[in-house]
Amino acid sequence: RAALLSGQVDVATLAGANAVAVEKAGGKPLTSGEGLIKPTTVI
C-alpha cells in the first residue's frame, strides 16, 4: 500500500483496510476478485 501511494509501484494487490486506505487517498480499484477467483481462507 505504501509503495503504491508513494509512486514506487503502479499497482498493488490489496484487501480490507489497505484497499480502503488507497481509495480514500484518491486511488481506485481496477478489479475485485468477483468473477475471477473463489477464494476460501481456511484454518
Full PDB file with SEQRES, HELIX, SHEET, SSBOND, CRYST1, ORIGX, SCALE, CONECT and MASTER records, all heavy atoms in Angstrom:
SEQRES   1 A   43  ARG ALA ALA LEU LEU SER GLY GLN VAL ASP VAL ALA THR          
SEQRES   2 A   43  LEU ALA GLY ALA ASN ALA VAL ALA VAL GLU LYS ALA GLY          
SEQRES   3 A   43  GLY LYS PRO LEU THR SER GLY GLU GLY LEU ILE LYS PRO          
SEQRES   4 A   43  THR THR VAL ILE                                              
HELIX    1 AA1 ALA A    2  LEU A    5  1                                   4    
HELIX    2 AA2 GLY A   16  LYS A   24  1                                   9    
CRYST1    1.000    1.000    1.000  90.00  90.00  90.00 P 1           1          
ORIGX1      1.000000  0.000000  0.000000        0.00000                         
ORIGX2      0.000000  1.000000  0.000000        0.00000                         
ORIGX3      0.000000  0.000000  1.000000        0.00000                         
SCALE1      1.000000  0.000000  0.000000        0.00000                         
SCALE2      0.000000  1.000000  0.000000        0.00000                         
SCALE3      0.000000  0.000000  1.000000        0.00000                         
ATOM      1  N   ARG A   1       0.837  -1.206   0.000  1.00  0.00           N  
ATOM      2  CA  ARG A   1       0.000   0.000   0.000  1.00  0.00           C  
ATOM      3  C   ARG A   1       0.871   1.254   0.000  1.00  0.00           C  
ATOM      4  O   ARG A   1       0.647   2.180  -0.783  1.00  0.00           O  
ATOM      5  CB  ARG A   1      -0.914   0.003   1.220  1.00  0.00           C  
ATOM      6  CG  ARG A   1      -1.815   1.231   1.329  1.00  0.00           C  
ATOM      7  CD  ARG A   1      -2.403   1.342   2.721  1.00  0.00           C  
ATOM      8  NE  ARG A   1      -1.396   1.688   3.703  1.00  0.00           N  
ATOM      9  CZ  ARG A   1      -1.428   1.338   4.989  1.00  0.00           C  
ATOM     10  NH1 ARG A   1      -2.420   0.608   5.461  1.00  0.00           N  
ATOM     11  NH2 ARG A   1      -0.473   1.708   5.806  1.00  0.00           N  
ATOM     12  N   ALA A   2       1.871   1.283   0.882  1.00  0.00           N  
ATOM     13  CA  ALA A   2       2.758   2.446   0.965  1.00  0.00           C  
ATOM     14  C   ALA A   2       3.536   2.651  -0.327  1.00  0.00           C  
ATOM     15  O   ALA A   2       3.709   3.789  -0.792  1.00  0.00           O  
ATOM     16  CB  ALA A   2       3.717   2.278   2.133  1.00  0.00           C  
ATOM     17  N   ALA A   3       3.985   1.548  -0.934  1.00  0.00           N  
ATOM     18  CA  ALA A   3       4.733   1.645  -2.191  1.00  0.00           C  
ATOM     19  C   ALA A   3       3.859   2.197  -3.305  1.00  0.00           C  
ATOM     20  O   ALA A   3       4.317   2.994  -4.143  1.00  0.00           O  
ATOM     21  CB  ALA A   3       5.282   0.269  -2.574  1.00  0.00           C  
ATOM     22  N   LEU A   4       2.591   1.815  -3.304  1.00  0.00           N  
ATOM     23  CA  LEU A   4       1.664   2.318  -4.320  1.00  0.00           C  
ATOM     24  C   LEU A   4       1.425   3.810  -4.129  1.00  0.00           C  
ATOM     25  O   LEU A   4       1.538   4.605  -5.081  1.00  0.00           O  
ATOM     26  CB  LEU A   4       0.335   1.556  -4.235  1.00  0.00           C  
ATOM     27  CG  LEU A   4      -0.782   2.056  -5.157  1.00  0.00           C  
ATOM     28  CD1 LEU A   4      -0.394   1.895  -6.625  1.00  0.00           C  
ATOM     29  CD2 LEU A   4      -2.090   1.324  -4.863  1.00  0.00           C  
ATOM     30  N   LEU A   5       1.123   4.211  -2.925  1.00  0.00           N  
ATOM     31  CA  LEU A   5       0.785   5.614  -2.668  1.00  0.00           C  
ATOM     32  C   LEU A   5       1.987   6.548  -2.850  1.00  0.00           C  
ATOM     33  O   LEU A   5       1.822   7.728  -3.165  1.00  0.00           O  
ATOM     34  CB  LEU A   5       0.207   5.767  -1.260  1.00  0.00           C  
ATOM     35  CG  LEU A   5      -1.161   5.103  -1.036  1.00  0.00           C  
ATOM     36  CD1 LEU A   5      -1.621   5.278   0.399  1.00  0.00           C  
ATOM     37  CD2 LEU A   5      -2.207   5.657  -2.005  1.00  0.00           C  
ATOM     38  N   SER A   6       3.191   6.011  -2.669  1.00  0.00           N  
ATOM     39  CA  SER A   6       4.394   6.837  -2.842  1.00  0.00           C  
ATOM     40  C   SER A   6       4.902   6.833  -4.279  1.00  0.00           C  
ATOM     41  O   SER A   6       5.896   7.496  -4.589  1.00  0.00           O  
ATOM     42  CB  SER A   6       5.499   6.346  -1.910  1.00  0.00           C  
ATOM     43  OG  SER A   6       5.917   5.035  -2.269  1.00  0.00           O  
ATOM     44  N   GLY A   7       4.223   6.079  -5.145  1.00  0.00           N  
ATOM     45  CA  GLY A   7       4.613   6.072  -6.554  1.00  0.00           C  
ATOM     46  C   GLY A   7       5.724   5.107  -6.907  1.00  0.00           C  
ATOM     47  O   GLY A   7       6.222   5.114  -8.033  1.00  0.00           O  
ATOM     48  N   GLN A   8       6.111   4.229  -5.978  1.00  0.00           N  
ATOM     49  CA  GLN A   8       7.179   3.267  -6.267  1.00  0.00           C  
ATOM     50  C   GLN A   8       6.706   2.120  -7.150  1.00  0.00           C  
ATOM     51  O   GLN A   8       7.505   1.484  -7.840  1.00  0.00           O  
ATOM     52  CB  GLN A   8       7.736   2.712  -4.961  1.00  0.00           C  
ATOM     53  CG  GLN A   8       8.393   3.751  -4.071  1.00  0.00           C  
ATOM     54  CD  GLN A   8       8.838   3.150  -2.744  1.00  0.00           C  
ATOM     55  OE1 GLN A   8       9.579   2.168  -2.716  1.00  0.00           O  
ATOM     56  NE2 GLN A   8       8.381   3.725  -1.647  1.00  0.00           N  
ATOM     57  N   VAL A   9       5.405   1.825  -7.085  1.00  0.00           N  
ATOM     58  CA  VAL A   9       4.821   0.795  -7.951  1.00  0.00           C  
ATOM     59  C   VAL A   9       3.552   1.356  -8.580  1.00  0.00           C  
ATOM     60  O   VAL A   9       3.012   2.369  -8.134  1.00  0.00           O  
ATOM     61  CB  VAL A   9       4.501  -0.511  -7.172  1.00  0.00           C  
ATOM     62  CG1 VAL A   9       5.767  -1.102  -6.574  1.00  0.00           C  
ATOM     63  CG2 VAL A   9       3.459  -0.262  -6.090  1.00  0.00           C  
ATOM     64  N   ASP A  10       3.092   0.681  -9.628  1.00  0.00           N  
ATOM     65  CA  ASP A  10       1.911   1.158 -10.355  1.00  0.00           C  
ATOM     66  C   ASP A  10       0.612   0.571  -9.827  1.00  0.00           C  
ATOM     67  O   ASP A  10      -0.446   1.203  -9.912  1.00  0.00           O  
ATOM     68  CB  ASP A  10       2.046   0.792 -11.842  1.00  0.00           C  
ATOM     69  CG  ASP A  10       3.315   1.357 -12.457  1.00  0.00           C  
ATOM     70  OD1 ASP A  10       3.427   2.585 -12.515  1.00  0.00           O  
ATOM     71  OD2 ASP A  10       4.184   0.558 -12.865  1.00  0.00           O  
ATOM     72  N   VAL A  11       0.700  -0.652  -9.302  1.00  0.00           N  
ATOM     73  CA  VAL A  11      -0.489  -1.382  -8.849  1.00  0.00           C  
ATOM     74  C   VAL A  11      -0.107  -2.168  -7.601  1.00  0.00           C  
ATOM     75  O   VAL A  11       1.037  -2.608  -7.454  1.00  0.00           O  
ATOM     76  CB  VAL A  11      -1.000  -2.346  -9.947  1.00  0.00           C  
ATOM     77  CG1 VAL A  11      -2.137  -3.228  -9.434  1.00  0.00           C  
ATOM     78  CG2 VAL A  11      -1.458  -1.574 -11.179  1.00  0.00           C  
ATOM     79  N   ALA A  12      -1.064  -2.348  -6.690  1.00  0.00           N  
ATOM     80  CA  ALA A  12      -0.864  -3.205  -5.516  1.00  0.00           C  
ATOM     81  C   ALA A  12      -2.049  -4.144  -5.377  1.00  0.00           C  
ATOM     82  O   ALA A  12      -3.194  -3.754  -5.647  1.00  0.00           O  
ATOM     83  CB  ALA A  12      -0.700  -2.370  -4.255  1.00  0.00           C  
ATOM     84  N   THR A  13      -1.762  -5.369  -5.000  1.00  0.00           N  
ATOM     85  CA  THR A  13      -2.838  -6.320  -4.709  1.00  0.00           C  
ATOM     86  C   THR A  13      -3.168  -6.167  -3.230  1.00  0.00           C  
ATOM     87  O   THR A  13      -2.327  -6.434  -2.379  1.00  0.00           O  
ATOM     88  CB  THR A  13      -2.405  -7.767  -5.025  1.00  0.00           C  
ATOM     89  OG1 THR A  13      -1.279  -8.103  -4.219  1.00  0.00           O  
ATOM     90  CG2 THR A  13      -2.029  -7.908  -6.494  1.00  0.00           C  
ATOM     91  N   LEU A  14      -4.386  -5.709  -2.942  1.00  0.00           N  
ATOM     92  CA  LEU A  14      -4.734  -5.339  -1.561  1.00  0.00           C  
ATOM     93  C   LEU A  14      -6.107  -5.874  -1.167  1.00  0.00           C  
ATOM     94  O   LEU A  14      -6.913  -6.257  -2.016  1.00  0.00           O  
ATOM     95  CB  LEU A  14      -4.718  -3.811  -1.412  1.00  0.00           C  
ATOM     96  CG  LEU A  14      -3.376  -3.107  -1.657  1.00  0.00           C  
ATOM     97  CD1 LEU A  14      -3.557  -1.599  -1.654  1.00  0.00           C  
ATOM     98  CD2 LEU A  14      -2.347  -3.522  -0.606  1.00  0.00           C  
ATOM     99  N   ALA A  15      -6.359  -5.832   0.126  1.00  0.00           N  
ATOM    100  CA  ALA A  15      -7.655  -6.250   0.659  1.00  0.00           C  
ATOM    101  C   ALA A  15      -7.929  -5.484   1.937  1.00  0.00           C  
ATOM    102  O   ALA A  15      -7.030  -4.871   2.524  1.00  0.00           O  
ATOM    103  CB  ALA A  15      -7.662  -7.750   0.925  1.00  0.00           C  
ATOM    104  N   GLY A  16      -9.183  -5.497   2.350  1.00  0.00           N  
ATOM    105  CA  GLY A  16      -9.565  -4.925   3.632  1.00  0.00           C  
ATOM    106  C   GLY A  16      -9.193  -3.467   3.792  1.00  0.00           C  
ATOM    107  O   GLY A  16      -9.333  -2.640   2.874  1.00  0.00           O  
ATOM    108  N   ALA A  17      -8.698  -3.125   4.979  1.00  0.00           N  
ATOM    109  CA  ALA A  17      -8.401  -1.739   5.320  1.00  0.00           C  
ATOM    110  C   ALA A  17      -7.352  -1.124   4.408  1.00  0.00           C  
ATOM    111  O   ALA A  17      -7.368   0.089   4.157  1.00  0.00           O  
ATOM    112  CB  ALA A  17      -7.922  -1.663   6.771  1.00  0.00           C  
ATOM    113  N   ASN A  18      -6.440  -1.945   3.892  1.00  0.00           N  
ATOM    114  CA  ASN A  18      -5.411  -1.420   2.998  1.00  0.00           C  
ATOM    115  C   ASN A  18      -6.006  -0.929   1.684  1.00  0.00           C  
ATOM    116  O   ASN A  18      -5.603   0.099   1.153  1.00  0.00           O  
ATOM    117  CB  ASN A  18      -4.344  -2.487   2.743  1.00  0.00           C  
ATOM    118  CG  ASN A  18      -3.492  -2.746   3.960  1.00  0.00           C  
ATOM    119  OD1 ASN A  18      -2.660  -1.939   4.326  1.00  0.00           O  
ATOM    120  ND2 ASN A  18      -3.724  -3.875   4.615  1.00  0.00           N  
ATOM    121  N   ALA A  19      -6.988  -1.649   1.168  1.00  0.00           N  
ATOM    122  CA  ALA A  19      -7.670  -1.205  -0.048  1.00  0.00           C  
ATOM    123  C   ALA A  19      -8.495   0.049   0.225  1.00  0.00           C  
ATOM    124  O   ALA A  19      -8.522   0.985  -0.584  1.00  0.00           O  
ATOM    125  CB  ALA A  19      -8.567  -2.323  -0.577  1.00  0.00           C  
ATOM    126  N   VAL A  20      -9.157   0.084   1.375  1.00  0.00           N  
ATOM    127  CA  VAL A  20      -9.947   1.257   1.764  1.00  0.00           C  
ATOM    128  C   VAL A  20      -9.051   2.485   1.860  1.00  0.00           C  
ATOM    129  O   VAL A  20      -9.401   3.578   1.393  1.00  0.00           O  
ATOM    130  CB  VAL A  20     -10.668   1.014   3.109  1.00  0.00           C  
ATOM    131  CG1 VAL A  20     -11.298   2.302   3.628  1.00  0.00           C  
ATOM    132  CG2 VAL A  20     -11.729  -0.067   2.961  1.00  0.00           C  
ATOM    133  N   ALA A  21      -7.863   2.332   2.451  1.00  0.00           N  
ATOM    134  CA  ALA A  21      -6.938   3.457   2.615  1.00  0.00           C  
ATOM    135  C   ALA A  21      -6.493   4.024   1.280  1.00  0.00           C  
ATOM    136  O   ALA A  21      -6.379   5.246   1.113  1.00  0.00           O  
ATOM    137  CB  ALA A  21      -5.723   3.010   3.429  1.00  0.00           C  
ATOM    138  N   VAL A  22      -6.261   3.154   0.314  1.00  0.00           N  
ATOM    139  CA  VAL A  22      -5.846   3.622  -1.016  1.00  0.00           C  
ATOM    140  C   VAL A  22      -6.981   4.388  -1.681  1.00  0.00           C  
ATOM    141  O   VAL A  22      -6.765   5.452  -2.285  1.00  0.00           O  
ATOM    142  CB  VAL A  22      -5.403   2.430  -1.893  1.00  0.00           C  
ATOM    143  CG1 VAL A  22      -5.256   2.858  -3.360  1.00  0.00           C  
ATOM    144  CG2 VAL A  22      -4.096   1.861  -1.381  1.00  0.00           C  
ATOM    145  N   GLU A  23      -8.201   3.866  -1.564  1.00  0.00           N  
ATOM    146  CA  GLU A  23      -9.341   4.551  -2.177  1.00  0.00           C  
ATOM    147  C   GLU A  23      -9.549   5.919  -1.534  1.00  0.00           C  
ATOM    148  O   GLU A  23      -9.839   6.903  -2.230  1.00  0.00           O  
ATOM    149  CB  GLU A  23     -10.593   3.688  -2.045  1.00  0.00           C  
ATOM    150  CG  GLU A  23     -11.753   4.171  -2.906  1.00  0.00           C  
ATOM    151  CD  GLU A  23     -12.835   3.122  -3.051  1.00  0.00           C  
ATOM    152  OE1 GLU A  23     -13.072   2.368  -2.087  1.00  0.00           O  
ATOM    153  OE2 GLU A  23     -13.434   3.054  -4.134  1.00  0.00           O  
ATOM    154  N   LYS A  24      -9.381   6.008  -0.222  1.00  0.00           N  
ATOM    155  CA  LYS A  24      -9.555   7.289   0.467  1.00  0.00           C  
ATOM    156  C   LYS A  24      -8.470   8.285   0.079  1.00  0.00           C  
ATOM    157  O   LYS A  24      -8.660   9.502   0.185  1.00  0.00           O  
ATOM    158  CB  LYS A  24      -9.558   7.081   1.979  1.00  0.00           C  
ATOM    159  CG  LYS A  24     -10.841   6.428   2.481  1.00  0.00           C  
ATOM    160  CD  LYS A  24     -10.982   6.595   3.979  1.00  0.00           C  
ATOM    161  CE  LYS A  24     -12.406   6.222   4.406  1.00  0.00           C  
ATOM    162  NZ  LYS A  24     -12.654   6.541   5.804  1.00  0.00           N  
ATOM    163  N   ALA A  25      -7.321   7.763  -0.372  1.00  0.00           N  
ATOM    164  CA  ALA A  25      -6.226   8.635  -0.788  1.00  0.00           C  
ATOM    165  C   ALA A  25      -6.322   9.000  -2.264  1.00  0.00           C  
ATOM    166  O   ALA A  25      -5.391   9.581  -2.826  1.00  0.00           O  
ATOM    167  CB  ALA A  25      -4.889   7.954  -0.510  1.00  0.00           C  
ATOM    168  N   GLY A  26      -7.450   8.664  -2.875  1.00  0.00           N  
ATOM    169  CA  GLY A  26      -7.659   9.022  -4.276  1.00  0.00           C  
ATOM    170  C   GLY A  26      -7.420   7.899  -5.260  1.00  0.00           C  
ATOM    171  O   GLY A  26      -7.514   8.092  -6.474  1.00  0.00           O  
ATOM    172  N   GLY A  27      -7.090   6.717  -4.728  1.00  0.00           N  
ATOM    173  CA  GLY A  27      -6.862   5.578  -5.607  1.00  0.00           C  
ATOM    174  C   GLY A  27      -8.157   4.942  -6.078  1.00  0.00           C  
ATOM    175  O   GLY A  27      -9.258   5.386  -5.717  1.00  0.00           O  
ATOM    176  N   LYS A  28      -8.024   3.881  -6.855  1.00  0.00           N  
ATOM    177  CA  LYS A  28      -9.210   3.231  -7.420  1.00  0.00           C  
ATOM    178  C   LYS A  28      -8.935   1.744  -7.633  1.00  0.00           C  
ATOM    179  O   LYS A  28      -7.785   1.329  -7.836  1.00  0.00           O  
ATOM    180  CB  LYS A  28      -9.569   3.877  -8.755  1.00  0.00           C  
ATOM    181  CG  LYS A  28      -8.466   3.746  -9.800  1.00  0.00           C  
ATOM    182  CD  LYS A  28      -8.737   4.538 -11.060  1.00  0.00           C  
ATOM    183  CE  LYS A  28      -7.581   4.390 -12.059  1.00  0.00           C  
ATOM    184  NZ  LYS A  28      -7.752   5.212 -13.258  1.00  0.00           N  
ATOM    185  N   PRO A  29      -9.979   0.930  -7.594  1.00  0.00           N  
ATOM    186  CA  PRO A  29      -9.808  -0.497  -7.894  1.00  0.00           C  
ATOM    187  C   PRO A  29      -9.861  -0.730  -9.401  1.00  0.00           C  
ATOM    188  O   PRO A  29     -10.717  -0.176 -10.094  1.00  0.00           O  
ATOM    189  CB  PRO A  29     -11.002  -1.142  -7.198  1.00  0.00           C  
ATOM    190  CG  PRO A  29     -12.056  -0.074  -7.170  1.00  0.00           C  
ATOM    191  CD  PRO A  29     -11.329   1.239  -7.084  1.00  0.00           C  
ATOM    192  N   LEU A  30      -8.925  -1.540  -9.894  1.00  0.00           N  
ATOM    193  CA  LEU A  30      -9.001  -1.972 -11.295  1.00  0.00           C  
ATOM    194  C   LEU A  30      -9.969  -3.141 -11.417  1.00  0.00           C  
ATOM    195  O   LEU A  30     -10.666  -3.276 -12.411  1.00  0.00           O  
ATOM    196  CB  LEU A  30      -7.617  -2.394 -11.790  1.00  0.00           C  
ATOM    197  CG  LEU A  30      -6.641  -1.263 -12.111  1.00  0.00           C  
ATOM    198  CD1 LEU A  30      -5.268  -1.822 -12.414  1.00  0.00           C  
ATOM    199  CD2 LEU A  30      -7.154  -0.433 -13.275  1.00  0.00           C  
ATOM    200  N   THR A  31      -9.986  -3.984 -10.403  1.00  0.00           N  
ATOM    201  CA  THR A  31     -10.926  -5.103 -10.362  1.00  0.00           C  
ATOM    202  C   THR A  31     -10.942  -5.681  -8.959  1.00  0.00           C  
ATOM    203  O   THR A  31     -10.001  -5.509  -8.187  1.00  0.00           O  
ATOM    204  CB  THR A  31     -10.537  -6.217 -11.358  1.00  0.00           C  
ATOM    205  OG1 THR A  31     -11.557  -7.224 -11.379  1.00  0.00           O  
ATOM    206  CG2 THR A  31      -9.217  -6.880 -10.994  1.00  0.00           C  
ATOM    207  N   SER A  32     -12.029  -6.362  -8.627  1.00  0.00           N  
ATOM    208  CA  SER A  32     -12.076  -7.170  -7.410  1.00  0.00           C  
ATOM    209  C   SER A  32     -11.936  -8.627  -7.843  1.00  0.00           C  
ATOM    210  O   SER A  32     -11.766  -8.931  -9.028  1.00  0.00           O  
ATOM    211  CB  SER A  32     -13.408  -6.970  -6.678  1.00  0.00           C  
ATOM    212  OG  SER A  32     -14.462  -7.634  -7.367  1.00  0.00           O  
ATOM    213  N   GLY A  33     -12.020  -9.524  -6.883  1.00  0.00           N  
ATOM    214  CA  GLY A  33     -11.911 -10.936  -7.212  1.00  0.00           C  
ATOM    215  C   GLY A  33     -13.187 -11.536  -7.774  1.00  0.00           C  
ATOM    216  O   GLY A  33     -13.178 -12.671  -8.260  1.00  0.00           O  
ATOM    217  N   GLU A  34     -14.281 -10.791  -7.720  1.00  0.00           N  
ATOM    218  CA  GLU A  34     -15.564 -11.325  -8.182  1.00  0.00           C  
ATOM    219  C   GLU A  34     -15.490 -11.694  -9.656  1.00  0.00           C  
ATOM    220  O   GLU A  34     -15.109 -10.898 -10.503  1.00  0.00           O  
ATOM    221  CB  GLU A  34     -16.675 -10.308  -7.948  1.00  0.00           C  
ATOM    222  CG  GLU A  34     -18.067 -10.871  -8.207  1.00  0.00           C  
ATOM    223  CD  GLU A  34     -19.182  -9.916  -7.823  1.00  0.00           C  
ATOM    224  OE1 GLU A  34     -18.898  -8.705  -7.693  1.00  0.00           O  
ATOM    225  OE2 GLU A  34     -20.316 -10.379  -7.646  1.00  0.00           O  
ATOM    226  N   GLY A  35     -15.843 -12.939  -9.951  1.00  0.00           N  
ATOM    227  CA  GLY A  35     -15.812 -13.417 -11.323  1.00  0.00           C  
ATOM    228  C   GLY A  35     -14.455 -13.928 -11.766  1.00  0.00           C  
ATOM    229  O   GLY A  35     -14.330 -14.533 -12.832  1.00  0.00           O  
ATOM    230  N   LEU A  36     -13.423 -13.693 -10.952  1.00  0.00           N  
ATOM    231  CA  LEU A  36     -12.076 -14.133 -11.301  1.00  0.00           C  
ATOM    232  C   LEU A  36     -11.587 -15.266 -10.393  1.00  0.00           C  
ATOM    233  O   LEU A  36     -10.928 -16.197 -10.860  1.00  0.00           O  
ATOM    234  CB  LEU A  36     -11.093 -12.961 -11.205  1.00  0.00           C  
ATOM    235  CG  LEU A  36     -11.218 -11.874 -12.282  1.00  0.00           C  
ATOM    236  CD1 LEU A  36     -10.324 -10.686 -11.945  1.00  0.00           C  
ATOM    237  CD2 LEU A  36     -10.837 -12.439 -13.654  1.00  0.00           C  
ATOM    238  N   ILE A  37     -11.883 -15.165  -9.112  1.00  0.00           N  
ATOM    239  CA  ILE A  37     -11.455 -16.186  -8.155  1.00  0.00           C  
ATOM    240  C   ILE A  37     -12.593 -16.488  -7.189  1.00  0.00           C  
ATOM    241  O   ILE A  37     -13.536 -15.706  -7.070  1.00  0.00           O  
ATOM    242  CB  ILE A  37     -10.217 -15.733  -7.350  1.00  0.00           C  
ATOM    243  CG1 ILE A  37     -10.493 -14.399  -6.637  1.00  0.00           C  
ATOM    244  CG2 ILE A  37      -8.991 -15.635  -8.256  1.00  0.00           C  
ATOM    245  CD1 ILE A  37      -9.371 -13.950  -5.708  1.00  0.00           C  
ATOM    246  N   LYS A  38     -12.504 -17.632  -6.530  1.00  0.00           N  
ATOM    247  CA  LYS A  38     -13.468 -18.002  -5.498  1.00  0.00           C  
ATOM    248  C   LYS A  38     -12.695 -18.334  -4.229  1.00  0.00           C  
ATOM    249  O   LYS A  38     -12.586 -19.487  -3.830  1.00  0.00           O  
ATOM    250  CB  LYS A  38     -14.304 -19.207  -5.942  1.00  0.00           C  
ATOM    251  CG  LYS A  38     -15.160 -18.947  -7.169  1.00  0.00           C  
ATOM    252  CD  LYS A  38     -15.908 -20.194  -7.592  1.00  0.00           C  
ATOM    253  CE  LYS A  38     -16.763 -19.949  -8.819  1.00  0.00           C  
ATOM    254  NZ  LYS A  38     -17.458 -21.183  -9.274  1.00  0.00           N  
ATOM    255  N   PRO A  39     -12.116 -17.310  -3.610  1.00  0.00           N  
ATOM    256  CA  PRO A  39     -11.182 -17.562  -2.511  1.00  0.00           C  
ATOM    257  C   PRO A  39     -11.852 -18.086  -1.248  1.00  0.00           C  
ATOM    258  O   PRO A  39     -12.880 -17.592  -0.811  1.00  0.00           O  
ATOM    259  CB  PRO A  39     -10.569 -16.186  -2.258  1.00  0.00           C  
ATOM    260  CG  PRO A  39     -11.632 -15.231  -2.690  1.00  0.00           C  
ATOM    261  CD  PRO A  39     -12.313 -15.881  -3.846  1.00  0.00           C  
ATOM    262  N   THR A  40     -11.237 -19.111  -0.692  1.00  0.00           N  
ATOM    263  CA  THR A  40     -11.652 -19.632   0.605  1.00  0.00           C  
ATOM    264  C   THR A  40     -10.430 -19.624   1.505  1.00  0.00           C  
ATOM    265  O   THR A  40      -9.449 -20.308   1.222  1.00  0.00           O  
ATOM    266  CB  THR A  40     -12.187 -21.075   0.482  1.00  0.00           C  
ATOM    267  OG1 THR A  40     -13.275 -21.105  -0.431  1.00  0.00           O  
ATOM    268  CG2 THR A  40     -12.651 -21.600   1.839  1.00  0.00           C  
ATOM    269  N   THR A  41     -10.460 -18.805   2.549  1.00  0.00           N  
ATOM    270  CA  THR A  41      -9.405 -18.906   3.546  1.00  0.00           C  
ATOM    271  C   THR A  41      -9.810 -19.982   4.538  1.00  0.00           C  
ATOM    272  O   THR A  41     -11.005 -20.200   4.792  1.00  0.00           O  
ATOM    273  CB  THR A  41      -9.148 -17.572   4.273  1.00  0.00           C  
ATOM    274  OG1 THR A  41     -10.386 -17.053   4.769  1.00  0.00           O  
ATOM    275  CG2 THR A  41      -8.522 -16.555   3.340  1.00  0.00           C  
ATOM    276  N   VAL A  42      -8.828 -20.675   5.083  1.00  0.00           N  
ATOM    277  CA  VAL A  42      -9.111 -21.845   5.903  1.00  0.00           C  
ATOM    278  C   VAL A  42      -8.356 -21.769   7.229  1.00  0.00           C  
ATOM    279  O   VAL A  42      -7.482 -20.927   7.422  1.00  0.00           O  
ATOM    280  CB  VAL A  42      -8.716 -23.142   5.159  1.00  0.00           C  
ATOM    281  CG1 VAL A  42      -9.508 -23.281   3.872  1.00  0.00           C  
ATOM    282  CG2 VAL A  42      -7.204 -23.181   4.879  1.00  0.00           C  
ATOM    283  N   ILE A  43      -8.719 -22.663   8.121  1.00  0.00           N  
ATOM    284  CA  ILE A  43      -7.984 -22.882   9.366  1.00  0.00           C  
ATOM    285  C   ILE A  43      -7.291 -24.231   9.210  1.00  0.00           C  
ATOM    286  O   ILE A  43      -7.931 -25.221   8.837  1.00  0.00           O  
ATOM    287  CB  ILE A  43      -8.933 -22.894  10.579  1.00  0.00           C  
ATOM    288  CG1 ILE A  43      -9.730 -21.592  10.652  1.00  0.00           C  
ATOM    289  CG2 ILE A  43      -8.154 -23.112  11.872  1.00  0.00           C  
ATOM    290  CD1 ILE A  43     -10.869 -21.617  11.671  1.00  0.00           C  
TER     291      ILE A  43                                                      
MASTER        0    0    0    2    0    0    0    6  290    1    0    4          
END                                                                             
